[in-house]
C-alpha cells in the first residue's frame, strides 16, 4: 500500500487513522482482525469469538457436532450465520493488519511529546504511572511518596489497566449477549403480534359465518310461517267469496220472485189472478223456507292463532357470548 510519510506524521491524520483501527469491543487496536460478511465491519478475532460464545452458549468448538450459530455485528446489528468453524471461519483482514503494522512502525519512530501521555495535575512533570487502589484513581509516583496517596494501596498501572479492560470487555460481551436476547424477545413479541392479528381475523370470520347461518335459518323460518299465514288467508277468503256468490244467487232469485209477485198484484181480473196466485204463493213460501244459507262464525276473520312470541329468542340472543 502506498502512503505519504508526511501525511501519516500529521497529528490529526494519525488520530483519525487510529480511530479507524480501534475494535468496537475491546476499544484497543485490532488484533488479528476478521471481517464480518456482508456488512464489512472488523473485529478482533478474540473479541468476535467472545461475542459469538456469549450469544451461542451451547456452541463448543470447531470439532463439535453442533453446526454453526448466529453472530450479530456489534456495530450495525447485522446478523450472519457462521458455519461449524464459528468465528475462525471468518476471513482475516490482511489489509487492516498491514495498515496497523505501518501505523505502529510510524508511531515507534516518532519522539514522545509532552501531552501525549497523561500528566499529574499536582506534579506537572510527572507522568501518571501507578493506580491508587484505595481511591480508585490513576496517579503518579510522587503522589504516592509525598502526596495525597502516600498512605494508600497502589498497584502497577498496566496490571489494573489490563484487568479493568478485561472486565470492560466481559461487560461488553454480556451487554451484546443481552442485546441479542432482547432482540430475540422483540422478534418473539412481533411474531405474537402477527399471530394475534391473524387469529383475530379468523375469529371474526368464524363469528360472521355463524351469524350468517343463523340469519339464514331465521329467514327460512320466517318464509315458512309467512306461507302458512298466506294459506290460511286464501282458505278463509275463498270460503267467504263462495258464500257471497251463494247469497248473491239467492238474492237474485228472491228479487225475481218479488217482481213476479208485484206483477201478479197488478192483475185486476179475479179469474186471471187466481189462475197463478196459488202457485206463486207456494213458490215464495218454499223459497223462504230454503233460503237459510251457511254463515261464518263470530271472529272468523281473526288471525290470532298466527301470533309468534319471540321474547325468549330475543333474550337468548342478548345473552350470547363467547365460550
Foldseek 3Di string as FASTA:
>chain_A
DDDDLVQCPDPVSVVVVLVQQAAPQLRHGADQWFADPPVRDIHRLVLQVLLQCLQPVPLDALPDPDFWDWGADPPPRDIDTDGSHYSVVTHGDVVSVVVVVVSVVSVVPDDDDPPPADAAPVDRVFGQFKAFPVVRGTHGPCCCVPNDNVVTDIGTPVVVVVVVSVVSSNVSSNVSSVVVVVVVVVVVVVVVVVVVVVVVVVVVVVVVVVVVVVVVVVVVVVVVLVVVVVVLVCVLVVVVVVVVVVLVVLVVVLVVLVVVVVVLVVDPDPVVSVVCVVVSVVVNVVSVVPVDDDDDDPPSPDPVVSDDDCPVVVVVVVPDDDD
